[in-house]
Amino acid sequence: MKKTLAQKSFWVTIVGGMLTGMGNGSVFGAAMMCLVGRGSFGDWGGIGHLAYNPYTFTGFVDWCMLIFGFSYVGILAISTIRHGALEAGH
């Protein structure tokens, strides 16, 4: 059975989507840092589990990176599925 484009590019979609999305999420986090500063966050949160607590400074940026990464994986998955359907003539 012939694999679809989405099946062939499964790992490329996951890795490429997470790298691109997390990179964009870090830029968003850096812009947010420049805009509001650390003053609105009670704790820096860069050690251990606090690095992923969204109520800390670093945790908010980490969550932005994860959300952007998963979003880009979804965008790439949808685009490869649709592109594969166009190539197949459906």
C-alpha atoms as a PDB file:
ATOM      1  CA  MET A   1       0.000   0.000   0.000  1.00  0.00           C
ATOM      2  CA  LYS A   2       1.309   3.422  -0.959  1.00  0.00           C
ATOM      3  CA  LYS A   3       1.867   5.866   1.907  1.00  0.00           C
ATOM      4  CA  THR A   4       0.236   9.287   1.841  1.00  0.00           C
ATOM      5  CA  LEU A   5       2.230  12.495   2.038  1.00  0.00           C
ATOM      6  CA  ALA A   6       1.173  13.004   5.664  1.00  0.00           C
ATOM      7  CA  GLN A   7       2.388   9.497   6.562  1.00  0.00           C
ATOM      8  CA  LYS A   8       5.702   9.992   4.768  1.00  0.00           C
ATOM      9  CA  SER A   9       6.370  13.299   6.496  1.00  0.00           C
ATOM     10  CA  PHE A  10       5.171  12.369   9.999  1.00  0.00           C
ATOM     11  CA  TRP A  11       8.450  12.999  11.842  1.00  0.00           C
ATOM     12  CA  VAL A  12       9.345  16.004   9.701  1.00  0.00           C
ATOM     13  CA  THR A  13       5.970  17.507  10.640  1.00  0.00           C
ATOM     14  CA  ILE A  14       6.495  16.877  14.364  1.00  0.00           C
ATOM     15  CA  VAL A  15      10.115  18.036  14.554  1.00  0.00           C
ATOM     16  CA  GLY A  16       9.772  20.920  12.097  1.00  0.00           C
ATOM     17  CA  GLY A  17       6.547  22.124  13.666  1.00  0.00           C
ATOM     18  CA  MET A  18       7.885  22.057  17.213  1.00  0.00           C
ATOM     19  CA  LEU A  19      11.157  23.760  16.274  1.00  0.00           C
ATOM     20  CA  THR A  20       9.463  26.490  14.254  1.00  0.00           C
ATOM     21  CA  GLY A  21       6.639  27.009  16.726  1.00  0.00           C
ATOM     22  CA  MET A  22       8.849  27.043  19.812  1.00  0.00           C
ATOM     23  CA  GLY A  23      11.198  29.479  18.090  1.00  0.00           C
ATOM     24  CA  ASN A  24       8.296  31.799  17.367  1.00  0.00           C
ATOM     25  CA  GLY A  25       7.008  31.313  20.911  1.00  0.00           C
ATOM     26  CA  SER A  26      10.368  32.386  22.312  1.00  0.00           C
ATOM     27  CA  VAL A  27      10.276  35.542  20.179  1.00  0.00           C
ATOM     28  CA  PHE A  28       6.766  36.227  21.475  1.00  0.00           C
ATOM     29  CA  GLY A  29       8.011  35.673  25.035  1.00  0.00           C
ATOM     30  CA  ALA A  30      10.982  37.995  24.484  1.00  0.00           C
ATOM     31  CA  ALA A  31       8.666  40.696  23.133  1.00  0.00           C
ATOM     32  CA  MET A  32       6.404  40.214  26.133  1.00  0.00           C
ATOM     33  CA  MET A  33       9.411  40.528  28.456  1.00  0.00           C
ATOM     34  CA  CYS A  34      10.352  43.822  26.807  1.00  0.00           C
ATOM     35  CA  LEU A  35       6.774  45.085  27.047  1.00  0.00           C
ATOM     36  CA  VAL A  36       5.780  44.258  30.637  1.00  0.00           C
ATOM     37  CA  GLY A  37       9.095  43.456  32.278  1.00  0.00           C
ATOM     38  CA  ARG A  38       9.420  41.259  35.316  1.00  0.00           C
ATOM     39  CA  GLY A  39       7.447  43.571  37.567  1.00  0.00           C
ATOM     40  CA  SER A  40       4.104  41.873  37.023  1.00  0.00           C
ATOM     41  CA  PHE A  41       5.491  38.430  37.961  1.00  0.00           C
ATOM     42  CA  GLY A  42       6.082  37.640  41.624  1.00  0.00           C
ATOM     43  CA  ASP A  43       8.752  35.017  40.962  1.00  0.00           C
ATOM     44  CA  TRP A  44      11.319  34.441  38.243  1.00  0.00           C
ATOM     45  CA  GLY A  45      10.655  30.682  38.286  1.00  0.00           C
ATOM     46  CA  GLY A  46      13.705  29.388  36.451  1.00  0.00           C
ATOM     47  CA  ILE A  47      14.562  26.399  38.660  1.00  0.00           C
ATOM     48  CA  GLY A  48      12.977  22.933  38.587  1.00  0.00           C
ATOM     49  CA  HIS A  49       9.205  22.680  38.324  1.00  0.00           C
ATOM     50  CA  LEU A  50       8.797  26.474  38.622  1.00  0.00           C
ATOM     51  CA  ALA A  51      10.206  26.796  35.089  1.00  0.00           C
ATOM     52  CA  TYR A  52       6.885  25.425  33.801  1.00  0.00           C
ATOM     53  CA  ASN A  53       4.521  27.225  36.177  1.00  0.00           C
ATOM     54  CA  PRO A  54       2.662  29.744  33.962  1.00  0.00           C
ATOM     55  CA  TYR A  55       2.366  32.183  36.870  1.00  0.00           C
ATOM     56  CA  THR A  56       6.138  32.686  36.964  1.00  0.00           C
ATOM     57  CA  PHE A  57       8.172  34.773  34.534  1.00  0.00           C
ATOM     58  CA  THR A  58      10.048  31.917  32.872  1.00  0.00           C
ATOM     59  CA  GLY A  59       7.083  29.554  33.082  1.00  0.00           C
ATOM     60  CA  PHE A  60       4.893  31.906  31.065  1.00  0.00           C
ATOM     61  CA  VAL A  61       7.491  32.038  28.286  1.00  0.00           C
ATOM     62  CA  ASP A  62       7.938  28.242  28.377  1.00  0.00           C
ATOM     63  CA  TRP A  63       4.185  27.713  28.053  1.00  0.00           C
ATOM     64  CA  CYS A  64       4.080  30.167  25.141  1.00  0.00           C
ATOM     65  CA  MET A  65       6.777  28.130  23.429  1.00  0.00           C
ATOM     66  CA  LEU A  66       4.923  24.855  23.984  1.00  0.00           C
ATOM     67  CA  ILE A  67       1.582  26.254  22.796  1.00  0.00           C
ATOM     68  CA  PHE A  68       3.153  27.773  19.680  1.00  0.00           C
ATOM     69  CA  GLY A  69       4.991  24.484  18.996  1.00  0.00           C
ATOM     70  CA  PHE A  70       1.884  22.308  19.210  1.00  0.00           C
ATOM     71  CA  SER A  71      -0.044  24.836  17.121  1.00  0.00           C
ATOM     72  CA  TYR A  72       2.532  24.720  14.344  1.00  0.00           C
ATOM     73  CA  VAL A  73       2.507  20.906  14.378  1.00  0.00           C
ATOM     74  CA  GLY A  74      -1.274  21.082  13.871  1.00  0.00           C
ATOM     75  CA  ILE A  75      -0.906  23.620  11.057  1.00  0.00           C
ATOM     76  CA  LEU A  76       1.702  21.468   9.299  1.00  0.00           C
ATOM     77  CA  ALA A  77      -0.382  18.313   9.727  1.00  0.00           C
ATOM     78  CA  ILE A  78      -3.448  19.962   8.183  1.00  0.00           C
ATOM     79  CA  SER A  79      -1.411  21.409   5.333  1.00  0.00           C
ATOM     80  CA  THR A  80       0.299  18.106   4.459  1.00  0.00           C
ATOM     81  CA  ILE A  81      -3.011  16.238   4.547  1.00  0.00           C
ATOM     82  CA  ARG A  82      -4.645  18.801   2.249  1.00  0.00           C
ATOM     83  CA  HIS A  83      -1.639  18.961  -0.048  1.00  0.00           C
ATOM     84  CA  GLY A  84      -1.557  15.170  -0.286  1.00  0.00           C
ATOM     85  CA  ALA A  85      -5.253  15.154  -1.209  1.00  0.00           C
ATOM     86  CA  LEU A  86      -4.620  17.723  -3.959  1.00  0.00           C
ATOM     87  CA  GLU A  87      -1.722  15.671  -5.352  1.00  0.00           C
ATOM     88  CA  ALA A  88      -3.831  12.504  -5.294  1.00  0.00           C
ATOM     89  CA  GLY A  89      -6.596  14.301  -7.193  1.00  0.00           C
ATOM     90  CA  HIS A  90      -9.324  13.990  -4.564  1.00  0.00           C
END
